[in-house]
N, C-alpha and C. Protein backbone atom coordinates (compact mmCIF):
# COMPACT_ATOMS: atom_id res chain seq x y z
N MET A 1 80.14 141.21 39.26
CA MET A 1 79.77 141.28 37.85
C MET A 1 79.01 142.57 37.61
N THR A 2 79.00 143.00 36.40
CA THR A 2 78.31 144.23 36.08
C THR A 2 76.80 144.01 36.07
N ARG A 3 76.09 145.07 36.02
CA ARG A 3 74.64 144.98 36.00
C ARG A 3 74.20 144.24 34.75
N ARG A 4 73.47 143.16 34.91
CA ARG A 4 72.96 142.33 33.83
C ARG A 4 74.05 141.80 32.90
N ALA A 5 75.24 141.62 33.45
CA ALA A 5 76.36 140.98 32.74
C ALA A 5 76.68 141.66 31.41
N SER A 6 76.76 142.96 31.41
CA SER A 6 77.04 143.70 30.18
C SER A 6 78.40 143.33 29.60
N ILE A 7 79.38 143.12 30.46
CA ILE A 7 80.71 142.78 29.95
C ILE A 7 80.66 141.44 29.22
N ALA A 8 80.02 140.45 29.82
CA ALA A 8 79.92 139.13 29.17
C ALA A 8 79.12 139.24 27.87
N TYR A 9 78.05 140.01 27.87
CA TYR A 9 77.20 140.15 26.69
C TYR A 9 77.98 140.79 25.53
N TYR A 10 78.63 141.91 25.79
CA TYR A 10 79.33 142.61 24.71
C TYR A 10 80.63 141.89 24.31
N PHE A 11 81.27 141.22 25.24
CA PHE A 11 82.44 140.42 24.89
C PHE A 11 82.02 139.26 23.98
N ALA A 12 80.90 138.63 24.29
CA ALA A 12 80.39 137.56 23.43
C ALA A 12 80.02 138.11 22.06
N ALA A 13 79.44 139.30 22.02
CA ALA A 13 79.08 139.90 20.73
C ALA A 13 80.32 140.11 19.87
N ILE A 14 81.38 140.61 20.47
CA ILE A 14 82.60 140.90 19.70
C ILE A 14 83.28 139.61 19.27
N THR A 15 83.55 138.73 20.21
CA THR A 15 84.35 137.54 19.88
C THR A 15 83.57 136.53 19.04
N LEU A 16 82.35 136.20 19.45
CA LEU A 16 81.58 135.20 18.71
C LEU A 16 81.05 135.75 17.40
N GLY A 17 80.61 137.00 17.41
CA GLY A 17 80.13 137.61 16.17
C GLY A 17 81.23 137.70 15.13
N SER A 18 82.41 138.09 15.55
CA SER A 18 83.54 138.15 14.61
C SER A 18 83.94 136.76 14.15
N PHE A 19 83.86 135.78 15.04
CA PHE A 19 84.18 134.41 14.64
C PHE A 19 83.21 133.90 13.58
N PHE A 20 81.91 134.07 13.81
CA PHE A 20 80.92 133.60 12.85
C PHE A 20 81.04 134.34 11.52
N LEU A 21 81.34 135.63 11.59
CA LEU A 21 81.51 136.39 10.35
C LEU A 21 82.76 135.93 9.61
N ALA A 22 83.83 135.65 10.34
CA ALA A 22 85.06 135.15 9.71
C ALA A 22 84.81 133.79 9.07
N VAL A 23 84.07 132.91 9.74
CA VAL A 23 83.74 131.60 9.17
C VAL A 23 82.93 131.78 7.88
N THR A 24 81.95 132.65 7.93
CA THR A 24 81.10 132.88 6.76
C THR A 24 81.92 133.37 5.56
N TYR A 25 82.74 134.39 5.81
CA TYR A 25 83.53 134.94 4.72
C TYR A 25 84.60 133.95 4.25
N TYR A 26 85.20 133.23 5.17
CA TYR A 26 86.26 132.31 4.77
C TYR A 26 85.71 131.13 3.97
N VAL A 27 84.56 130.61 4.36
CA VAL A 27 83.94 129.54 3.59
C VAL A 27 83.57 130.05 2.19
N HIS A 28 83.07 131.28 2.13
CA HIS A 28 82.76 131.86 0.82
C HIS A 28 84.02 131.99 -0.03
N PHE A 29 85.12 132.43 0.56
CA PHE A 29 86.37 132.56 -0.19
C PHE A 29 86.86 131.19 -0.66
N LEU A 30 86.73 130.17 0.17
CA LEU A 30 87.15 128.83 -0.24
C LEU A 30 86.29 128.29 -1.38
N MET A 31 85.00 128.60 -1.33
CA MET A 31 84.10 128.11 -2.37
C MET A 31 84.30 128.86 -3.69
N THR A 32 84.88 130.04 -3.63
CA THR A 32 85.10 130.81 -4.86
C THR A 32 86.53 130.68 -5.38
N GLY A 33 87.30 129.74 -4.83
CA GLY A 33 88.60 129.44 -5.41
C GLY A 33 89.80 129.98 -4.67
N ALA A 34 89.68 130.29 -3.38
CA ALA A 34 90.83 130.74 -2.61
C ALA A 34 91.81 129.58 -2.45
N PRO A 35 93.11 129.85 -2.33
CA PRO A 35 94.08 128.77 -2.15
C PRO A 35 93.83 128.01 -0.85
N ARG A 36 94.12 126.71 -0.85
CA ARG A 36 93.84 125.87 0.31
C ARG A 36 95.09 125.26 0.91
N GLU A 37 96.22 125.87 0.71
CA GLU A 37 97.46 125.30 1.25
C GLU A 37 97.56 125.47 2.77
N ASN A 38 97.26 126.64 3.27
CA ASN A 38 97.41 126.94 4.70
C ASN A 38 96.08 127.40 5.27
N ILE A 39 95.14 126.50 5.34
CA ILE A 39 93.78 126.88 5.75
C ILE A 39 93.77 127.39 7.19
N GLY A 40 94.46 126.72 8.09
CA GLY A 40 94.47 127.14 9.49
C GLY A 40 95.05 128.53 9.67
N ARG A 41 96.19 128.77 9.08
CA ARG A 41 96.83 130.08 9.20
C ARG A 41 95.98 131.17 8.57
N ASP A 42 95.44 130.88 7.40
CA ASP A 42 94.64 131.87 6.70
C ASP A 42 93.35 132.17 7.45
N PHE A 43 92.74 131.14 8.05
CA PHE A 43 91.52 131.39 8.82
C PHE A 43 91.82 132.23 10.06
N LEU A 44 92.92 131.92 10.75
CA LEU A 44 93.26 132.72 11.94
C LEU A 44 93.55 134.17 11.57
N ALA A 45 94.19 134.40 10.44
CA ALA A 45 94.42 135.77 9.98
C ALA A 45 93.09 136.45 9.65
N THR A 46 92.19 135.70 9.00
CA THR A 46 90.87 136.26 8.69
C THR A 46 90.11 136.61 9.96
N TYR A 47 90.16 135.73 10.96
CA TYR A 47 89.48 135.99 12.23
C TYR A 47 90.09 137.19 12.93
N PHE A 48 91.41 137.31 12.93
CA PHE A 48 92.07 138.44 13.58
C PHE A 48 91.63 139.76 12.95
N PHE A 49 91.66 139.84 11.62
CA PHE A 49 91.26 141.08 10.97
C PHE A 49 89.77 141.35 11.10
N THR A 50 88.97 140.31 11.09
CA THR A 50 87.53 140.48 11.30
C THR A 50 87.26 140.99 12.71
N LEU A 51 88.00 140.48 13.68
CA LEU A 51 87.85 140.93 15.06
C LEU A 51 88.16 142.41 15.19
N MET A 52 89.23 142.85 14.54
CA MET A 52 89.61 144.27 14.63
C MET A 52 88.66 145.17 13.84
N LEU A 53 88.30 144.75 12.65
CA LEU A 53 87.60 145.66 11.75
C LEU A 53 86.09 145.68 11.93
N THR A 54 85.53 144.74 12.67
CA THR A 54 84.08 144.75 12.88
C THR A 54 83.71 145.05 14.33
N LEU A 55 84.60 145.64 15.06
CA LEU A 55 84.33 145.95 16.47
C LEU A 55 83.13 146.89 16.62
N VAL A 56 83.12 147.97 15.90
CA VAL A 56 82.04 148.95 16.03
C VAL A 56 80.70 148.39 15.54
N PRO A 57 80.63 147.75 14.35
CA PRO A 57 79.34 147.20 13.96
C PRO A 57 78.80 146.13 14.92
N MET A 58 79.69 145.31 15.46
CA MET A 58 79.25 144.27 16.41
C MET A 58 78.68 144.90 17.69
N LEU A 59 79.37 145.88 18.22
CA LEU A 59 78.89 146.52 19.44
C LEU A 59 77.58 147.26 19.20
N LEU A 60 77.49 147.96 18.08
CA LEU A 60 76.27 148.68 17.76
C LEU A 60 75.10 147.73 17.58
N CYS A 61 75.32 146.65 16.88
CA CYS A 61 74.26 145.66 16.66
C CYS A 61 73.84 145.01 17.99
N ALA A 62 74.80 144.65 18.81
CA ALA A 62 74.47 144.04 20.11
C ALA A 62 73.70 145.00 21.00
N PHE A 63 74.09 146.26 21.01
CA PHE A 63 73.40 147.27 21.81
C PHE A 63 71.95 147.42 21.35
N LEU A 64 71.75 147.61 20.05
CA LEU A 64 70.40 147.81 19.52
C LEU A 64 69.54 146.55 19.67
N LEU A 65 70.15 145.40 19.51
CA LEU A 65 69.41 144.14 19.65
C LEU A 65 68.93 143.95 21.08
N ARG A 66 69.80 144.24 22.03
CA ARG A 66 69.40 144.08 23.44
C ARG A 66 68.31 145.07 23.81
N ARG A 67 68.41 146.30 23.32
CA ARG A 67 67.37 147.30 23.61
C ARG A 67 66.03 146.87 23.01
N ALA A 68 66.05 146.37 21.79
CA ALA A 68 64.80 145.91 21.16
C ALA A 68 64.22 144.72 21.90
N ALA A 69 65.08 143.79 22.32
CA ALA A 69 64.60 142.59 23.01
C ALA A 69 63.97 142.94 24.36
N VAL A 70 64.55 143.87 25.06
CA VAL A 70 63.99 144.28 26.35
C VAL A 70 62.69 145.06 26.14
N ALA A 71 62.68 145.94 25.13
CA ALA A 71 61.49 146.74 24.88
C ALA A 71 60.31 145.89 24.46
N PHE A 72 60.54 144.88 23.63
CA PHE A 72 59.46 144.03 23.14
C PHE A 72 59.26 142.77 23.97
N ARG A 73 60.10 142.58 25.00
CA ARG A 73 60.01 141.44 25.92
C ARG A 73 60.04 140.09 25.19
N TRP A 74 61.07 139.92 24.36
CA TRP A 74 61.21 138.66 23.64
C TRP A 74 61.70 137.59 24.60
N SER A 75 61.00 136.47 24.64
CA SER A 75 61.41 135.37 25.51
C SER A 75 61.83 134.14 24.71
N ALA A 76 61.67 134.17 23.41
CA ALA A 76 62.07 133.05 22.55
C ALA A 76 63.28 133.47 21.72
N PRO A 77 64.06 132.50 21.26
CA PRO A 77 65.26 132.86 20.49
C PRO A 77 65.00 133.31 19.06
N TRP A 78 63.88 132.91 18.45
CA TRP A 78 63.68 133.21 17.03
C TRP A 78 63.55 134.70 16.74
N PRO A 79 62.89 135.54 17.59
CA PRO A 79 62.90 136.97 17.25
C PRO A 79 64.30 137.57 17.35
N TRP A 80 65.09 137.09 18.31
CA TRP A 80 66.47 137.55 18.42
C TRP A 80 67.22 137.23 17.14
N MET A 81 67.05 136.00 16.63
CA MET A 81 67.80 135.59 15.44
C MET A 81 67.36 136.35 14.19
N LEU A 82 66.06 136.50 14.01
CA LEU A 82 65.57 137.21 12.83
C LEU A 82 65.98 138.68 12.84
N VAL A 83 65.75 139.33 13.95
CA VAL A 83 66.09 140.75 14.05
C VAL A 83 67.61 140.93 14.07
N GLY A 84 68.32 140.02 14.72
CA GLY A 84 69.77 140.12 14.75
C GLY A 84 70.39 140.01 13.38
N ALA A 85 69.89 139.07 12.57
CA ALA A 85 70.41 138.92 11.20
C ALA A 85 70.11 140.16 10.37
N ALA A 86 68.87 140.62 10.43
CA ALA A 86 68.48 141.80 9.64
C ALA A 86 69.21 143.06 10.13
N LEU A 87 69.33 143.19 11.44
CA LEU A 87 70.00 144.37 12.00
C LEU A 87 71.48 144.40 11.65
N PHE A 88 72.14 143.25 11.74
CA PHE A 88 73.55 143.22 11.40
C PHE A 88 73.77 143.51 9.92
N LEU A 89 72.91 142.96 9.07
CA LEU A 89 73.01 143.25 7.64
C LEU A 89 72.80 144.74 7.38
N ALA A 90 71.79 145.32 8.01
CA ALA A 90 71.50 146.75 7.80
C ALA A 90 72.64 147.63 8.31
N ILE A 91 73.20 147.28 9.47
CA ILE A 91 74.29 148.09 10.03
C ILE A 91 75.53 148.00 9.16
N VAL A 92 75.88 146.80 8.71
CA VAL A 92 77.06 146.63 7.85
C VAL A 92 76.87 147.39 6.54
N GLN A 93 75.70 147.28 5.93
CA GLN A 93 75.46 147.97 4.67
C GLN A 93 75.46 149.49 4.86
N ALA A 94 74.83 149.98 5.93
CA ALA A 94 74.78 151.42 6.17
C ALA A 94 76.16 151.99 6.47
N LEU A 95 76.93 151.31 7.33
CA LEU A 95 78.28 151.80 7.65
C LEU A 95 79.21 151.68 6.45
N GLY A 96 79.04 150.64 5.63
CA GLY A 96 79.84 150.51 4.42
C GLY A 96 79.52 151.62 3.43
N TRP A 97 78.24 151.93 3.29
CA TRP A 97 77.85 153.02 2.41
C TRP A 97 78.40 154.35 2.92
N LEU A 98 78.31 154.55 4.23
CA LEU A 98 78.84 155.79 4.83
C LEU A 98 80.35 155.88 4.63
N GLY A 99 81.05 154.79 4.81
CA GLY A 99 82.50 154.78 4.61
C GLY A 99 82.88 155.06 3.18
N ASN A 100 82.14 154.47 2.24
CA ASN A 100 82.42 154.74 0.83
C ASN A 100 82.10 156.18 0.45
N ALA A 101 81.13 156.79 1.12
CA ALA A 101 80.79 158.18 0.85
C ALA A 101 81.90 159.11 1.34
N PHE A 102 82.57 158.76 2.43
CA PHE A 102 83.65 159.58 2.97
C PHE A 102 84.99 159.30 2.31
N GLU A 103 85.07 158.21 1.57
CA GLU A 103 86.33 157.85 0.93
C GLU A 103 86.64 158.87 -0.17
N SER A 104 87.89 159.28 -0.21
CA SER A 104 88.29 160.24 -1.25
C SER A 104 89.65 159.85 -1.80
N ASP A 105 90.01 160.46 -2.89
CA ASP A 105 91.30 160.19 -3.52
C ASP A 105 92.42 161.02 -2.90
N LYS A 106 92.06 161.99 -2.10
CA LYS A 106 93.07 162.86 -1.51
C LYS A 106 93.76 162.16 -0.35
N MET A 107 95.01 162.48 -0.17
CA MET A 107 95.74 161.97 0.99
C MET A 107 95.68 163.01 2.10
N VAL A 108 94.52 163.17 2.67
CA VAL A 108 94.32 164.15 3.74
C VAL A 108 94.61 163.46 5.06
N VAL A 109 95.40 164.07 5.87
CA VAL A 109 95.79 163.47 7.14
C VAL A 109 95.10 164.22 8.28
N GLU A 110 93.80 164.32 8.18
CA GLU A 110 93.02 164.90 9.27
C GLU A 110 92.69 163.79 10.25
N TRP A 111 92.76 164.07 11.52
CA TRP A 111 92.61 163.03 12.54
C TRP A 111 91.23 162.39 12.48
N TRP A 112 90.19 163.17 12.25
CA TRP A 112 88.85 162.60 12.24
C TRP A 112 88.63 161.68 11.04
N ARG A 113 89.27 162.01 9.90
CA ARG A 113 89.12 161.16 8.72
C ARG A 113 89.85 159.83 8.93
N MET A 114 90.99 159.86 9.61
CA MET A 114 91.72 158.62 9.89
C MET A 114 90.93 157.73 10.84
N VAL A 115 90.34 158.31 11.88
CA VAL A 115 89.54 157.54 12.83
C VAL A 115 88.31 156.97 12.13
N LEU A 116 87.64 157.79 11.35
CA LEU A 116 86.45 157.34 10.64
C LEU A 116 86.78 156.22 9.65
N THR A 117 87.90 156.34 8.97
CA THR A 117 88.31 155.30 8.03
C THR A 117 88.60 154.00 8.76
N PHE A 118 89.28 154.06 9.91
CA PHE A 118 89.56 152.84 10.65
C PHE A 118 88.28 152.19 11.16
N VAL A 119 87.34 153.00 11.62
CA VAL A 119 86.08 152.46 12.14
C VAL A 119 85.24 151.84 11.03
N LEU A 120 85.30 152.42 9.83
CA LEU A 120 84.41 151.99 8.76
C LEU A 120 85.05 151.10 7.72
N VAL A 121 86.34 150.78 7.86
CA VAL A 121 86.99 149.99 6.82
C VAL A 121 86.45 148.56 6.75
N GLY A 122 86.06 147.97 7.86
CA GLY A 122 85.47 146.63 7.85
C GLY A 122 84.17 146.59 7.05
N PRO A 123 83.19 147.45 7.39
CA PRO A 123 81.98 147.47 6.58
C PRO A 123 82.22 147.88 5.12
N MET A 124 83.21 148.74 4.88
CA MET A 124 83.52 149.12 3.50
C MET A 124 83.99 147.92 2.70
N LEU A 125 84.76 147.04 3.33
CA LEU A 125 85.20 145.81 2.65
C LEU A 125 84.06 144.81 2.53
N ALA A 126 83.17 144.80 3.52
CA ALA A 126 82.07 143.82 3.51
C ALA A 126 81.06 144.11 2.41
N VAL A 127 80.84 145.38 2.08
CA VAL A 127 79.83 145.68 1.05
C VAL A 127 80.32 145.32 -0.35
N LYS A 128 81.60 145.00 -0.48
CA LYS A 128 82.11 144.57 -1.79
C LYS A 128 81.93 143.07 -2.01
N GLN A 129 81.46 142.37 -1.00
CA GLN A 129 81.18 140.94 -1.08
C GLN A 129 79.68 140.75 -1.28
N PRO A 130 79.23 139.52 -1.52
CA PRO A 130 77.77 139.30 -1.64
C PRO A 130 77.05 139.78 -0.37
N PHE A 131 75.94 140.48 -0.57
CA PHE A 131 75.27 141.16 0.54
C PHE A 131 74.73 140.22 1.59
N TRP A 132 74.47 138.95 1.27
CA TRP A 132 73.83 138.03 2.20
C TRP A 132 74.81 137.41 3.20
N LEU A 133 76.10 137.61 3.03
CA LEU A 133 77.07 136.94 3.91
C LEU A 133 76.94 137.31 5.39
N PRO A 134 76.59 138.54 5.77
CA PRO A 134 76.41 138.81 7.21
C PRO A 134 75.17 138.18 7.83
N LEU A 135 74.23 137.70 7.03
CA LEU A 135 72.98 137.16 7.58
C LEU A 135 73.18 135.96 8.50
N PRO A 136 73.88 134.88 8.07
CA PRO A 136 74.04 133.75 9.00
C PRO A 136 74.87 134.11 10.22
N ALA A 137 75.87 134.96 10.04
CA ALA A 137 76.68 135.38 11.19
C ALA A 137 75.85 136.19 12.18
N GLY A 138 74.99 137.06 11.67
CA GLY A 138 74.12 137.84 12.55
C GLY A 138 73.12 136.98 13.29
N ALA A 139 72.57 135.97 12.61
CA ALA A 139 71.59 135.09 13.25
C ALA A 139 72.24 134.23 14.34
N LEU A 140 73.39 133.65 14.04
CA LEU A 140 74.08 132.82 15.04
C LEU A 140 74.55 133.66 16.23
N THR A 141 75.06 134.83 15.96
CA THR A 141 75.49 135.72 17.04
C THR A 141 74.30 136.12 17.91
N ALA A 142 73.19 136.45 17.27
CA ALA A 142 72.00 136.85 18.02
C ALA A 142 71.49 135.70 18.89
N PHE A 143 71.56 134.47 18.39
CA PHE A 143 71.13 133.33 19.20
C PHE A 143 72.00 133.20 20.45
N LEU A 144 73.31 133.32 20.29
CA LEU A 144 74.17 133.20 21.47
C LEU A 144 74.04 134.41 22.39
N LEU A 145 73.76 135.58 21.84
CA LEU A 145 73.49 136.74 22.70
C LEU A 145 72.20 136.56 23.48
N TYR A 146 71.22 135.91 22.86
CA TYR A 146 69.99 135.56 23.58
C TYR A 146 70.31 134.65 24.76
N ARG A 147 71.18 133.65 24.52
CA ARG A 147 71.54 132.72 25.59
C ARG A 147 72.28 133.45 26.73
N VAL A 148 73.18 134.35 26.38
CA VAL A 148 73.91 135.10 27.41
C VAL A 148 72.94 136.00 28.17
N HIS A 149 72.06 136.67 27.45
CA HIS A 149 71.09 137.55 28.09
C HIS A 149 70.19 136.77 29.05
N ARG A 150 69.72 135.61 28.62
CA ARG A 150 68.86 134.79 29.47
C ARG A 150 69.60 134.21 30.67
N ALA A 151 70.87 133.90 30.49
CA ALA A 151 71.64 133.30 31.59
C ALA A 151 71.83 134.28 32.74
N PHE A 152 71.88 135.57 32.43
CA PHE A 152 72.14 136.55 33.47
C PHE A 152 70.93 137.39 33.81
N GLU A 153 69.77 136.95 33.39
CA GLU A 153 68.54 137.68 33.74
C GLU A 153 68.30 137.63 35.24
N ASP A 154 67.58 138.59 35.73
CA ASP A 154 67.23 138.59 37.15
C ASP A 154 66.31 137.41 37.43
N ALA A 155 66.69 136.63 38.40
CA ALA A 155 65.85 135.49 38.80
C ALA A 155 64.66 136.03 39.58
N PRO A 156 63.50 135.42 39.41
CA PRO A 156 62.34 135.89 40.18
C PRO A 156 62.58 135.63 41.67
N SER A 157 62.26 136.60 42.46
CA SER A 157 62.48 136.48 43.91
C SER A 157 61.42 135.53 44.50
N PRO A 158 61.84 134.69 45.44
CA PRO A 158 60.88 133.75 46.05
C PRO A 158 59.84 134.50 46.87
N ALA A 159 58.62 134.02 46.80
CA ALA A 159 57.54 134.67 47.55
C ALA A 159 57.71 134.39 49.04
N SER A 160 57.47 135.38 49.82
CA SER A 160 57.64 135.21 51.27
C SER A 160 56.45 134.59 51.90
């Protein structure tokens, strides 16, 4: 396994964070009058696109959250959840704002603009929804990241 289970930690951030965000957005869409004929298919499509389009914000949030938790030596889940929710909201809003600032009406086919658009299209879509929707997803993701982090912590060595 990698040092401090980084693969498990970041894989959990991507898969579970995207799942919670997809649940949050999909429930919001259902409550605002989305069609309910094919809920299973529509949710899986929502999860698939959320997984693809929120890869960078999830990784960035997980990285910064873990660094803050180690620096401040958080041993309880509540600081992870509070900071995780606020951090994810801030990252989504900042990246969405950045993406909207780079958006233009021109059909420019520059490679860097295409990459930037792909990286920022998820947050750009998220800022058009109610701003509070990433909060529960960020808190639930942070709680499970806390659990993963604690599960792979270095065990104290037995005294000789």
